[in-house]
Amino acid sequence: NIYHMGWFRQSPGKEREFVAAIHWNGRTTNYLESVRGRFT
């Protein structure tokens, strides 16, 4: 519960890509621009 949590993704032939993260405080978030508004 004191760790920041996040998600990455990787497609064949591509490097691993950051998708989203949430701060340990549970309030602050960060998103890949292409998923902002679609992913939570």
PDB file of all heavy atoms in Angstrom:
ATOM      1  N   ASN A   1       0.788  -1.219   0.000  1.00  0.00           N
ATOM      2  CA  ASN A   1       0.000   0.000   0.000  1.00  0.00           C
ATOM      3  C   ASN A   1       0.824   1.274   0.000  1.00  0.00           C
ATOM      4  O   ASN A   1       0.256   2.360  -0.139  1.00  0.00           O
ATOM      5  CB  ASN A   1      -0.972   0.002   1.181  1.00  0.00           C
ATOM      6  CG  ASN A   1      -2.076  -1.017   1.027  1.00  0.00           C
ATOM      7  OD1 ASN A   1      -2.378  -1.456  -0.082  1.00  0.00           O
ATOM      8  ND2 ASN A   1      -2.687  -1.392   2.136  1.00  0.00           N
ATOM      9  N   ILE A   2       2.129   1.175   0.146  1.00  0.00           N
ATOM     10  CA  ILE A   2       2.984   2.350   0.023  1.00  0.00           C
ATOM     11  C   ILE A   2       3.759   2.342  -1.292  1.00  0.00           C
ATOM     12  O   ILE A   2       4.659   3.155  -1.483  1.00  0.00           O
ATOM     13  CB  ILE A   2       3.942   2.507   1.214  1.00  0.00           C
ATOM     14  CG1 ILE A   2       4.918   1.333   1.305  1.00  0.00           C
ATOM     15  CG2 ILE A   2       3.153   2.663   2.509  1.00  0.00           C
ATOM     16  CD1 ILE A   2       6.012   1.545   2.340  1.00  0.00           C
ATOM     17  N   TYR A   3       3.412   1.450  -2.172  1.00  0.00           N
ATOM     18  CA  TYR A   3       4.013   1.402  -3.499  1.00  0.00           C
ATOM     19  C   TYR A   3       3.116   2.109  -4.504  1.00  0.00           C
ATOM     20  O   TYR A   3       1.897   1.960  -4.479  1.00  0.00           O
ATOM     21  CB  TYR A   3       4.219  -0.041  -3.956  1.00  0.00           C
ATOM     22  CG  TYR A   3       5.428  -0.730  -3.372  1.00  0.00           C
ATOM     23  CD1 TYR A   3       5.475  -1.081  -2.039  1.00  0.00           C
ATOM     24  CD2 TYR A   3       6.521  -1.039  -4.181  1.00  0.00           C
ATOM     25  CE1 TYR A   3       6.585  -1.712  -1.499  1.00  0.00           C
ATOM     26  CE2 TYR A   3       7.631  -1.676  -3.652  1.00  0.00           C
ATOM     27  CZ  TYR A   3       7.658  -2.015  -2.312  1.00  0.00           C
ATOM     28  OH  TYR A   3       8.757  -2.651  -1.794  1.00  0.00           O
ATOM     29  N   HIS A   4       3.744   2.851  -5.406  1.00  0.00           N
ATOM     30  CA  HIS A   4       3.036   3.307  -6.582  1.00  0.00           C
ATOM     31  C   HIS A   4       2.737   2.087  -7.457  1.00  0.00           C
ATOM     32  O   HIS A   4       3.539   1.152  -7.531  1.00  0.00           O
ATOM     33  CB  HIS A   4       3.868   4.307  -7.372  1.00  0.00           C
ATOM     34  CG  HIS A   4       4.390   5.437  -6.545  1.00  0.00           C
ATOM     35  ND1 HIS A   4       3.562   6.267  -5.821  1.00  0.00           N
ATOM     36  CD2 HIS A   4       5.656   5.876  -6.329  1.00  0.00           C
ATOM     37  CE1 HIS A   4       4.302   7.177  -5.199  1.00  0.00           C
ATOM     38  NE2 HIS A   4       5.574   6.960  -5.493  1.00  0.00           N
ATOM     39  N   MET A   5       1.589   2.102  -8.133  1.00  0.00           N
ATOM     40  CA  MET A   5       1.182   0.996  -8.984  1.00  0.00           C
ATOM     41  C   MET A   5       0.973   1.498 -10.404  1.00  0.00           C
ATOM     42  O   MET A   5       0.589   2.649 -10.619  1.00  0.00           O
ATOM     43  CB  MET A   5      -0.112   0.362  -8.474  1.00  0.00           C
ATOM     44  CG  MET A   5      -0.047  -0.141  -7.043  1.00  0.00           C
ATOM     45  SD  MET A   5       1.050  -1.577  -6.853  1.00  0.00           S
ATOM     46  CE  MET A   5       0.124  -2.815  -7.765  1.00  0.00           C
ATOM     47  N   GLY A   6       1.210   0.623 -11.365  1.00  0.00           N
ATOM     48  CA  GLY A   6       1.040   1.036 -12.739  1.00  0.00           C
ATOM     49  C   GLY A   6       0.858  -0.124 -13.685  1.00  0.00           C
ATOM     50  O   GLY A   6       0.900  -1.297 -13.290  1.00  0.00           O
ATOM     51  N   TRP A   7       0.653   0.234 -14.943  1.00  0.00           N
ATOM     52  CA  TRP A   7       0.489  -0.738 -16.018  1.00  0.00           C
ATOM     53  C   TRP A   7       1.342  -0.343 -17.208  1.00  0.00           C
ATOM     54  O   TRP A   7       1.401   0.838 -17.581  1.00  0.00           O
ATOM     55  CB  TRP A   7      -0.972  -0.833 -16.469  1.00  0.00           C
ATOM     56  CG  TRP A   7      -1.885  -1.399 -15.429  1.00  0.00           C
ATOM     57  CD1 TRP A   7      -2.573  -0.723 -14.481  1.00  0.00           C
ATOM     58  CD2 TRP A   7      -2.201  -2.778 -15.250  1.00  0.00           C
ATOM     59  NE1 TRP A   7      -3.303  -1.586 -13.707  1.00  0.00           N
ATOM     60  CE2 TRP A   7      -3.093  -2.859 -14.162  1.00  0.00           C
ATOM     61  CE3 TRP A   7      -1.830  -3.956 -15.897  1.00  0.00           C
ATOM     62  CZ2 TRP A   7      -3.611  -4.067 -13.705  1.00  0.00           C
ATOM     63  CZ3 TRP A   7      -2.346  -5.161 -15.444  1.00  0.00           C
ATOM     64  CH2 TRP A   7      -3.224  -5.205 -14.362  1.00  0.00           C
ATOM     65  N   PHE A   8       1.999  -1.339 -17.790  1.00  0.00           N
ATOM     66  CA  PHE A   8       2.702  -1.213 -19.054  1.00  0.00           C
ATOM     67  C   PHE A   8       2.112  -2.207 -20.036  1.00  0.00           C
ATOM     68  O   PHE A   8       1.378  -3.116 -19.641  1.00  0.00           O
ATOM     69  CB  PHE A   8       4.205  -1.489 -18.885  1.00  0.00           C
ATOM     70  CG  PHE A   8       4.979  -0.401 -18.206  1.00  0.00           C
ATOM     71  CD1 PHE A   8       4.768  -0.095 -16.875  1.00  0.00           C
ATOM     72  CD2 PHE A   8       5.945   0.316 -18.898  1.00  0.00           C
ATOM     73  CE1 PHE A   8       5.490   0.903 -16.240  1.00  0.00           C
ATOM     74  CE2 PHE A   8       6.681   1.313 -18.271  1.00  0.00           C
ATOM     75  CZ  PHE A   8       6.447   1.608 -16.948  1.00  0.00           C
ATOM     76  N   ARG A   9       2.450  -2.052 -21.304  1.00  0.00           N
ATOM     77  CA  ARG A   9       2.013  -3.025 -22.302  1.00  0.00           C
ATOM     78  C   ARG A   9       3.109  -3.216 -23.330  1.00  0.00           C
ATOM     79  O   ARG A   9       3.950  -2.341 -23.542  1.00  0.00           O
ATOM     80  CB  ARG A   9       0.713  -2.599 -22.972  1.00  0.00           C
ATOM     81  CG  ARG A   9       0.808  -1.340 -23.816  1.00  0.00           C
ATOM     82  CD  ARG A   9      -0.580  -0.907 -24.280  1.00  0.00           C
ATOM     83  NE  ARG A   9      -0.519   0.262 -25.139  1.00  0.00           N
ATOM     84  CZ  ARG A   9      -1.584   0.919 -25.577  1.00  0.00           C
ATOM     85  NH1 ARG A   9      -2.812   0.497 -25.232  1.00  0.00           N
ATOM     86  NH2 ARG A   9      -1.448   1.974 -26.364  1.00  0.00           N
ATOM     87  N   GLN A  10       3.075  -4.388 -23.991  1.00  0.00           N
ATOM     88  CA  GLN A  10       4.068  -4.694 -25.003  1.00  0.00           C
ATOM     89  C   GLN A  10       3.436  -5.528 -26.109  1.00  0.00           C
ATOM     90  O   GLN A  10       2.822  -6.556 -25.842  1.00  0.00           O
ATOM     91  CB  GLN A  10       5.260  -5.438 -24.408  1.00  0.00           C
ATOM     92  CG  GLN A  10       6.418  -5.603 -25.375  1.00  0.00           C
ATOM     93  CD  GLN A  10       7.695  -6.025 -24.683  1.00  0.00           C
ATOM     94  OE1 GLN A  10       7.662  -6.629 -23.614  1.00  0.00           O
ATOM     95  NE2 GLN A  10       8.827  -5.696 -25.280  1.00  0.00           N
ATOM     96  N   SER A  11       3.602  -5.070 -27.342  1.00  0.00           N
ATOM     97  CA  SER A  11       3.148  -5.781 -28.523  1.00  0.00           C
ATOM     98  C   SER A  11       4.346  -6.403 -29.229  1.00  0.00           C
ATOM     99  O   SER A  11       5.475  -5.922 -29.086  1.00  0.00           O
ATOM    100  CB  SER A  11       2.428  -4.833 -29.485  1.00  0.00           C
ATOM    101  OG  SER A  11       1.293  -4.250 -28.875  1.00  0.00           O
ATOM    102  N   PRO A  12       4.131  -7.471 -30.013  1.00  0.00           N
ATOM    103  CA  PRO A  12       5.245  -8.080 -30.747  1.00  0.00           C
ATOM    104  C   PRO A  12       5.972  -7.062 -31.610  1.00  0.00           C
ATOM    105  O   PRO A  12       5.349  -6.285 -32.333  1.00  0.00           O
ATOM    106  CB  PRO A  12       4.564  -9.147 -31.600  1.00  0.00           C
ATOM    107  CG  PRO A  12       3.336  -9.508 -30.826  1.00  0.00           C
ATOM    108  CD  PRO A  12       2.876  -8.219 -30.217  1.00  0.00           C
ATOM    109  N   GLY A  13       7.293  -7.051 -31.516  1.00  0.00           N
ATOM    110  CA  GLY A  13       8.095  -6.150 -32.305  1.00  0.00           C
ATOM    111  C   GLY A  13       8.181  -4.737 -31.778  1.00  0.00           C
ATOM    112  O   GLY A  13       8.808  -3.886 -32.422  1.00  0.00           O
ATOM    113  N   LYS A  14       7.574  -4.462 -30.636  1.00  0.00           N
ATOM    114  CA  LYS A  14       7.610  -3.131 -30.054  1.00  0.00           C
ATOM    115  C   LYS A  14       8.177  -3.194 -28.642  1.00  0.00           C
ATOM    116  O   LYS A  14       8.105  -4.219 -27.970  1.00  0.00           O
ATOM    117  CB  LYS A  14       6.216  -2.521 -30.017  1.00  0.00           C
ATOM    118  CG  LYS A  14       5.570  -2.347 -31.376  1.00  0.00           C
ATOM    119  CD  LYS A  14       4.205  -1.701 -31.267  1.00  0.00           C
ATOM    120  CE  LYS A  14       4.300  -0.272 -30.778  1.00  0.00           C
ATOM    121  NZ  LYS A  14       2.973   0.399 -30.735  1.00  0.00           N
ATOM    122  N   GLU A  15       8.721  -2.082 -28.194  1.00  0.00           N
ATOM    123  CA  GLU A  15       9.246  -2.017 -26.839  1.00  0.00           C
ATOM    124  C   GLU A  15       8.112  -1.827 -25.842  1.00  0.00           C
ATOM    125  O   GLU A  15       7.008  -1.398 -26.190  1.00  0.00           O
ATOM    126  CB  GLU A  15      10.272  -0.890 -26.714  1.00  0.00           C
ATOM    127  CG  GLU A  15       9.699   0.497 -26.933  1.00  0.00           C
ATOM    128  CD  GLU A  15      10.772   1.566 -26.920  1.00  0.00           C
ATOM    129  OE1 GLU A  15      11.956   1.231 -27.120  1.00  0.00           O
ATOM    130  OE2 GLU A  15      10.437   2.746 -26.705  1.00  0.00           O
ATOM    131  N   ARG A  16       8.390  -2.169 -24.607  1.00  0.00           N
ATOM    132  CA  ARG A  16       7.391  -2.020 -23.562  1.00  0.00           C
ATOM    133  C   ARG A  16       7.027  -0.547 -23.395  1.00  0.00           C
ATOM    134  O   ARG A  16       7.896   0.330 -23.373  1.00  0.00           O
ATOM    135  CB  ARG A  16       7.912  -2.608 -22.258  1.00  0.00           C
ATOM    136  CG  ARG A  16       6.852  -2.704 -21.176  1.00  0.00           C
ATOM    137  CD  ARG A  16       7.323  -3.567 -20.017  1.00  0.00           C
ATOM    138  NE  ARG A  16       7.471  -4.962 -20.406  1.00  0.00           N
ATOM    139  CZ  ARG A  16       7.701  -5.944 -19.547  1.00  0.00           C
ATOM    140  NH1 ARG A  16       7.811  -5.693 -18.253  1.00  0.00           N
ATOM    141  NH2 ARG A  16       7.835  -7.184 -19.994  1.00  0.00           N
ATOM    142  N   GLU A  17       5.732  -0.282 -23.247  1.00  0.00           N
ATOM    143  CA  GLU A  17       5.189   1.059 -23.263  1.00  0.00           C
ATOM    144  C   GLU A  17       4.418   1.338 -21.977  1.00  0.00           C
ATOM    145  O   GLU A  17       3.567   0.546 -21.565  1.00  0.00           O
ATOM    146  CB  GLU A  17       4.266   1.214 -24.472  1.00  0.00           C
ATOM    147  CG  GLU A  17       3.581   2.555 -24.618  1.00  0.00           C
ATOM    148  CD  GLU A  17       2.672   2.572 -25.832  1.00  0.00           C
ATOM    149  OE1 GLU A  17       1.900   1.605 -26.014  1.00  0.00           O
ATOM    150  OE2 GLU A  17       2.753   3.548 -26.610  1.00  0.00           O
ATOM    151  N   PHE A  18       4.693   2.470 -21.360  1.00  0.00           N
ATOM    152  CA  PHE A  18       3.949   2.896 -20.183  1.00  0.00           C
ATOM    153  C   PHE A  18       2.511   3.210 -20.549  1.00  0.00           C
ATOM    154  O   PHE A  18       2.252   3.871 -21.559  1.00  0.00           O
ATOM    155  CB  PHE A  18       4.611   4.131 -19.579  1.00  0.00           C
ATOM    156  CG  PHE A  18       3.812   4.783 -18.496  1.00  0.00           C
ATOM    157  CD1 PHE A  18       3.774   4.247 -17.227  1.00  0.00           C
ATOM    158  CD2 PHE A  18       3.098   5.939 -18.749  1.00  0.00           C
ATOM    159  CE1 PHE A  18       3.035   4.840 -16.218  1.00  0.00           C
ATOM    160  CE2 PHE A  18       2.357   6.554 -17.758  1.00  0.00           C
ATOM    161  CZ  PHE A  18       2.326   5.993 -16.487  1.00  0.00           C
ATOM    162  N   VAL A  19       1.574   2.765 -19.719  1.00  0.00           N
ATOM    163  CA  VAL A  19       0.155   2.993 -19.966  1.00  0.00           C
ATOM    164  C   VAL A  19      -0.464   3.899 -18.907  1.00  0.00           C
ATOM    165  O   VAL A  19      -1.124   4.892 -19.239  1.00  0.00           O
ATOM    166  CB  VAL A  19      -0.621   1.662 -20.026  1.00  0.00           C
ATOM    167  CG1 VAL A  19      -2.119   1.919 -20.185  1.00  0.00           C
ATOM    168  CG2 VAL A  19      -0.096   0.802 -21.166  1.00  0.00           C
ATOM    169  N   ALA A  20      -0.283   3.567 -17.643  1.00  0.00           N
ATOM    170  CA  ALA A  20      -0.942   4.319 -16.578  1.00  0.00           C
ATOM    171  C   ALA A  20      -0.274   4.034 -15.251  1.00  0.00           C
ATOM    172  O   ALA A  20       0.342   2.985 -15.062  1.00  0.00           O
ATOM    173  CB  ALA A  20      -2.431   3.957 -16.491  1.00  0.00           C
ATOM    174  N   ALA A  21      -0.415   4.962 -14.314  1.00  0.00           N
ATOM    175  CA  ALA A  21       0.100   4.770 -12.963  1.00  0.00           C
ATOM    176  C   ALA A  21      -0.798   5.477 -11.969  1.00  0.00           C
ATOM    177  O   ALA A  21      -1.470   6.462 -12.301  1.00  0.00           O
ATOM    178  CB  ALA A  21       1.527   5.294 -12.842  1.00  0.00           C
ATOM    179  N   ILE A  22      -0.801   4.970 -10.745  1.00  0.00           N
ATOM    180  CA  ILE A  22      -1.533   5.594  -9.652  1.00  0.00           C
ATOM    181  C   ILE A  22      -0.613   5.689  -8.444  1.00  0.00           C
ATOM    182  O   ILE A  22       0.073   4.735  -8.081  1.00  0.00           O
ATOM    183  CB  ILE A  22      -2.838   4.832  -9.334  1.00  0.00           C
ATOM    184  CG1 ILE A  22      -3.662   5.583  -8.284  1.00  0.00           C
ATOM    185  CG2 ILE A  22      -2.565   3.396  -8.914  1.00  0.00           C
ATOM    186  CD1 ILE A  22      -5.100   5.089  -8.183  1.00  0.00           C
ATOM    187  N   HIS A  23      -0.595   6.857  -7.842  1.00  0.00           N
ATOM    188  CA  HIS A  23       0.244   7.122  -6.688  1.00  0.00           C
ATOM    189  C   HIS A  23      -0.205   6.281  -5.494  1.00  0.00           C
ATOM    190  O   HIS A  23      -1.367   5.872  -5.420  1.00  0.00           O
ATOM    191  CB  HIS A  23       0.131   8.618  -6.357  1.00  0.00           C
ATOM    192  CG  HIS A  23       1.224   9.183  -5.517  1.00  0.00           C
ATOM    193  ND1 HIS A  23       1.218   9.067  -4.142  1.00  0.00           N
ATOM    194  CD2 HIS A  23       2.343   9.866  -5.843  1.00  0.00           C
ATOM    195  CE1 HIS A  23       2.283   9.671  -3.663  1.00  0.00           C
ATOM    196  NE2 HIS A  23       2.981  10.163  -4.667  1.00  0.00           N
ATOM    197  N   TRP A  24       0.701   6.067  -4.550  1.00  0.00           N
ATOM    198  CA  TRP A  24       0.304   5.322  -3.350  1.00  0.00           C
ATOM    199  C   TRP A  24      -0.808   6.021  -2.582  1.00  0.00           C
ATOM    200  O   TRP A  24      -1.542   5.371  -1.838  1.00  0.00           O
ATOM    201  CB  TRP A  24       1.497   5.031  -2.434  1.00  0.00           C
ATOM    202  CG  TRP A  24       2.197   6.237  -1.869  1.00  0.00           C
ATOM    203  CD1 TRP A  24       3.353   6.793  -2.332  1.00  0.00           C
ATOM    204  CD2 TRP A  24       1.794   7.011  -0.735  1.00  0.00           C
ATOM    205  NE1 TRP A  24       3.694   7.878  -1.550  1.00  0.00           N
ATOM    206  CE2 TRP A  24       2.757   8.030  -0.562  1.00  0.00           C
ATOM    207  CE3 TRP A  24       0.721   6.948   0.160  1.00  0.00           C
ATOM    208  CZ2 TRP A  24       2.667   8.975   0.462  1.00  0.00           C
ATOM    209  CZ3 TRP A  24       0.630   7.888   1.177  1.00  0.00           C
ATOM    210  CH2 TRP A  24       1.600   8.884   1.322  1.00  0.00           C
ATOM    211  N   ASN A  25      -0.936   7.346  -2.758  1.00  0.00           N
ATOM    212  CA  ASN A  25      -2.020   8.059  -2.083  1.00  0.00           C
ATOM    213  C   ASN A  25      -3.389   7.768  -2.697  1.00  0.00           C
ATOM    214  O   ASN A  25      -4.411   8.171  -2.146  1.00  0.00           O
ATOM    215  CB  ASN A  25      -1.750   9.566  -2.031  1.00  0.00           C
ATOM    216  CG  ASN A  25      -1.713  10.242  -3.394  1.00  0.00           C
ATOM    217  OD1 ASN A  25      -2.297   9.768  -4.362  1.00  0.00           O
ATOM    218  ND2 ASN A  25      -1.023  11.376  -3.465  1.00  0.00           N
ATOM    219  N   GLY A  26      -3.409   7.084  -3.851  1.00  0.00           N
ATOM    220  CA  GLY A  26      -4.657   6.697  -4.482  1.00  0.00           C
ATOM    221  C   GLY A  26      -5.393   7.805  -5.196  1.00  0.00           C
ATOM    222  O   GLY A  26      -6.506   7.579  -5.694  1.00  0.00           O
ATOM    223  N   ARG A  27      -4.807   8.979  -5.274  1.00  0.00           N
ATOM    224  CA  ARG A  27      -5.490  10.121  -5.876  1.00  0.00           C
ATOM    225  C   ARG A  27      -4.833  10.606  -7.162  1.00  0.00           C
ATOM    226  O   ARG A  27      -5.530  10.947  -8.114  1.00  0.00           O
ATOM    227  CB  ARG A  27      -5.540  11.279  -4.875  1.00  0.00           C
ATOM    228  CG  ARG A  27      -6.323  10.959  -3.609  1.00  0.00           C
ATOM    229  CD  ARG A  27      -6.481  12.181  -2.739  1.00  0.00           C
ATOM    230  NE  ARG A  27      -5.208  12.700  -2.266  1.00  0.00           N
ATOM    231  CZ  ARG A  27      -4.580  12.289  -1.165  1.00  0.00           C
ATOM    232  NH1 ARG A  27      -5.106  11.326  -0.425  1.00  0.00           N
ATOM    233  NH2 ARG A  27      -3.424  12.841  -0.816  1.00  0.00           N
ATOM    234  N   THR A  28      -3.524  10.635  -7.185  1.00  0.00           N
ATOM    235  CA  THR A  28      -2.808  11.148  -8.335  1.00  0.00           C
ATOM    236  C   THR A  28      -2.611  10.050  -9.368  1.00  0.00           C
ATOM    237  O   THR A  28      -2.204   8.936  -9.027  1.00  0.00           O
ATOM    238  CB  THR A  28      -1.448  11.711  -7.915  1.00  0.00           C
ATOM    239  OG1 THR A  28      -1.633  12.658  -6.857  1.00  0.00           O
ATOM    240  CG2 THR A  28      -0.755  12.393  -9.083  1.00  0.00           C
ATOM    241  N   THR A  29      -2.910  10.350 -10.638  1.00  0.00           N
ATOM    242  CA  THR A  29      -2.762   9.380 -11.710  1.00  0.00           C
ATOM    243  C   THR A  29      -1.970   9.972 -12.860  1.00  0.00           C
ATOM    244  O   THR A  29      -1.836  11.191 -12.988  1.00  0.00           O
ATOM    245  CB  THR A  29      -4.122   8.895 -12.221  1.00  0.00           C
ATOM    246  OG1 THR A  29      -4.900  10.018 -12.645  1.00  0.00           O
ATOM    247  CG2 THR A  29      -4.872   8.150 -11.129  1.00  0.00           C
ATOM    248  N   ASN A  30      -1.467   9.082 -13.716  1.00  0.00           N
ATOM    249  CA  ASN A  30      -0.683   9.461 -14.872  1.00  0.00           C
ATOM    250  C   ASN A  30      -1.039   8.488 -15.997  1.00  0.00           C
ATOM    251  O   ASN A  30      -1.126   7.284 -15.757  1.00  0.00           O
ATOM    252  CB  ASN A  30       0.811   9.397 -14.544  1.00  0.00           C
ATOM    253  CG  ASN A  30       1.693  10.019 -15.602  1.00  0.00           C
ATOM    254  OD1 ASN A  30       1.226  10.655 -16.539  1.00  0.00           O
ATOM    255  ND2 ASN A  30       3.008   9.841 -15.450  1.00  0.00           N
ATOM    256  N   TYR A  31      -1.241   9.004 -17.213  1.00  0.00           N
ATOM    257  CA  TYR A  31      -1.684   8.179 -18.330  1.00  0.00           C
ATOM    258  C   TYR A  31      -0.894   8.456 -19.595  1.00  0.00           C
ATOM    259  O   TYR A  31      -0.508   9.600 -19.870  1.00  0.00           O
ATOM    260  CB  TYR A  31      -3.155   8.433 -18.665  1.00  0.00           C
ATOM    261  CG  TYR A  31      -4.131   7.999 -17.614  1.00  0.00           C
ATOM    262  CD1 TYR A  31      -4.634   8.908 -16.688  1.00  0.00           C
ATOM    263  CD2 TYR A  31      -4.572   6.680 -17.551  1.00  0.00           C
ATOM    264  CE1 TYR A  31      -5.543   8.512 -15.726  1.00  0.00           C
ATOM    265  CE2 TYR A  31      -5.479   6.279 -16.584  1.00  0.00           C
ATOM    266  CZ  TYR A  31      -5.961   7.199 -15.677  1.00  0.00           C
ATOM    267  OH  TYR A  31      -6.866   6.809 -14.719  1.00  0.00           O
ATOM    268  N   LEU A  32      -0.698   7.391 -20.375  1.00  0.00           N
ATOM    269  CA  LEU A  32      -0.285   7.546 -21.752  1.00  0.00           C
ATOM    270  C   LEU A  32      -1.340   8.376 -22.483  1.00  0.00           C
ATOM    271  O   LEU A  32      -2.547   8.146 -22.321  1.00  0.00           O
ATOM    272  CB  LEU A  32      -0.146   6.166 -22.393  1.00  0.00           C
ATOM    273  CG  LEU A  32       0.171   6.079 -23.874  1.00  0.00           C
ATOM    274  CD1 LEU A  32       1.581   6.576 -24.155  1.00  0.00           C
ATOM    275  CD2 LEU A  32       0.003   4.640 -24.351  1.00  0.00           C
ATOM    276  N   GLU A  33      -0.918   9.322 -23.293  1.00  0.00           N
ATOM    277  CA  GLU A  33      -1.846  10.231 -23.931  1.00  0.00           C
ATOM    278  C   GLU A  33      -2.906   9.503 -24.758  1.00  0.00           C
ATOM    279  O   GLU A  33      -4.081   9.893 -24.741  1.00  0.00           O
ATOM    280  CB  GLU A  33      -1.092  11.234 -24.812  1.00  0.00           C
ATOM    281  CG  GLU A  33      -1.970  12.329 -25.390  1.00  0.00           C
ATOM    282  CD  GLU A  33      -2.550  13.232 -24.326  1.00  0.00           C
ATOM    283  OE1 GLU A  33      -1.925  13.378 -23.254  1.00  0.00           O
ATOM    284  OE2 GLU A  33      -3.636  13.795 -24.553  1.00  0.00           O
ATOM    285  N   SER A  34      -2.532   8.439 -25.440  1.00  0.00           N
ATOM    286  CA  SER A  34      -3.469   7.755 -26.318  1.00  0.00           C
ATOM    287  C   SER A  34      -4.556   6.980 -25.576  1.00  0.00           C
ATOM    288  O   SER A  34      -5.541   6.568 -26.194  1.00  0.00           O
ATOM    289  CB  SER A  34      -2.721   6.806 -27.267  1.00  0.00           C
ATOM    290  OG  SER A  34      -2.072   5.776 -26.551  1.00  0.00           O
ATOM    291  N   VAL A  35      -4.404   6.776 -24.274  1.00  0.00           N
ATOM    292  CA  VAL A  35      -5.432   6.080 -23.504  1.00  0.00           C
ATOM    293  C   VAL A  35      -6.180   7.005 -22.558  1.00  0.00           C
ATOM    294  O   VAL A  35      -7.189   6.589 -21.973  1.00  0.00           O
ATOM    295  CB  VAL A  35      -4.862   4.883 -22.712  1.00  0.00           C
ATOM    296  CG1 VAL A  35      -4.042   3.978 -23.613  1.00  0.00           C
ATOM    297  CG2 VAL A  35      -4.037   5.345 -21.510  1.00  0.00           C
ATOM    298  N   ARG A  36      -5.722   8.219 -22.403  1.00  0.00           N
ATOM    299  CA  ARG A  36      -6.376   9.153 -21.492  1.00  0.00           C
ATOM    300  C   ARG A  36      -7.822   9.385 -21.930  1.00  0.00           C
ATOM    301  O   ARG A  36      -8.098   9.640 -23.097  1.00  0.00           O
ATOM    302  CB  ARG A  36      -5.611  10.476 -21.432  1.00  0.00           C
ATOM    303  CG  ARG A  36      -6.172  11.463 -20.412  1.00  0.00           C
ATOM    304  CD  ARG A  36      -5.285  12.709 -20.255  1.00  0.00           C
ATOM    305  NE  ARG A  36      -4.054  12.414 -19.521  1.00  0.00           N
ATOM    306  CZ  ARG A  36      -2.840  12.429 -20.054  1.00  0.00           C
ATOM    307  NH1 ARG A  36      -2.687  12.728 -21.341  1.00  0.00           N
ATOM    308  NH2 ARG A  36      -1.789  12.145 -19.310  1.00  0.00           N
ATOM    309  N   GLY A  37      -8.743   9.276 -20.981  1.00  0.00           N
ATOM    310  CA  GLY A  37     -10.158   9.404 -21.278  1.00  0.00           C
ATOM    311  C   GLY A  37     -10.834   8.093 -21.605  1.00  0.00           C
ATOM    312  O   GLY A  37     -12.073   8.023 -21.577  1.00  0.00           O
ATOM    313  N   ARG A  38     -10.061   7.061 -21.922  1.00  0.00           N
ATOM    314  CA  ARG A  38     -10.613   5.733 -22.197  1.00  0.00           C
ATOM    315  C   ARG A  38     -10.288   4.738 -21.087  1.00  0.00           C
ATOM    316  O   ARG A  38     -11.106   3.879 -20.770  1.00  0.00           O
ATOM    317  CB  ARG A  38     -10.078   5.187 -23.516  1.00  0.00           C
ATOM    318  CG  ARG A  38     -10.453   6.031 -24.729  1.00  0.00           C
ATOM    319  CD  ARG A  38     -10.082   5.315 -26.030  1.00  0.00           C
ATOM    320  NE  ARG A  38      -8.643   5.111 -26.148  1.00  0.00           N
ATOM    321  CZ  ARG A  38      -8.062   3.919 -26.262  1.00  0.00           C
ATOM    322  NH1 ARG A  38      -8.796   2.809 -26.280  1.00  0.00           N
ATOM    323  NH2 ARG A  38      -6.737   3.830 -26.382  1.00  0.00           N
ATOM    324  N   PHE A  39      -9.090   4.843 -20.520  1.00  0.00           N
ATOM    325  CA  PHE A  39      -8.647   3.934 -19.463  1.00  0.00           C
ATOM    326  C   PHE A  39      -8.675   4.654 -18.121  1.00  0.00           C
ATOM    327  O   PHE A  39      -8.387   5.859 -18.044  1.00  0.00           O
ATOM    328  CB  PHE A  39      -7.218   3.452 -19.709  1.00  0.00           C
ATOM    329  CG  PHE A  39      -7.030   2.548 -20.897  1.00  0.00           C
ATOM    330  CD1 PHE A  39      -8.035   2.323 -21.821  1.00  0.00           C
ATOM    331  CD2 PHE A  39      -5.806   1.915 -21.081  1.00  0.00           C
ATOM    332  CE1 PHE A  39      -7.840   1.491 -22.911  1.00  0.00           C
ATOM    333  CE2 PHE A  39      -5.601   1.079 -22.161  1.00  0.00           C
ATOM    334  CZ  PHE A  39      -6.606   0.862 -23.078  1.00  0.00           C
ATOM    335  N   THR A  40      -8.980   3.911 -17.073  1.00  0.00           N
ATOM    336  CA  THR A  40      -8.963   4.449 -15.723  1.00  0.00           C
ATOM    337  C   THR A  40      -8.227   3.487 -14.804  1.00  0.00           C
ATOM    338  O   THR A  40      -8.591   2.312 -14.708  1.00  0.00           O
ATOM    339  CB  THR A  40     -10.380   4.672 -15.186  1.00  0.00           C
ATOM    340  OG1 THR A  40     -11.096   5.561 -16.056  1.00  0.00           O
ATOM    341  CG2 THR A  40     -10.331   5.285 -13.791  1.00  0.00           C
TER     342      THR A  40
END
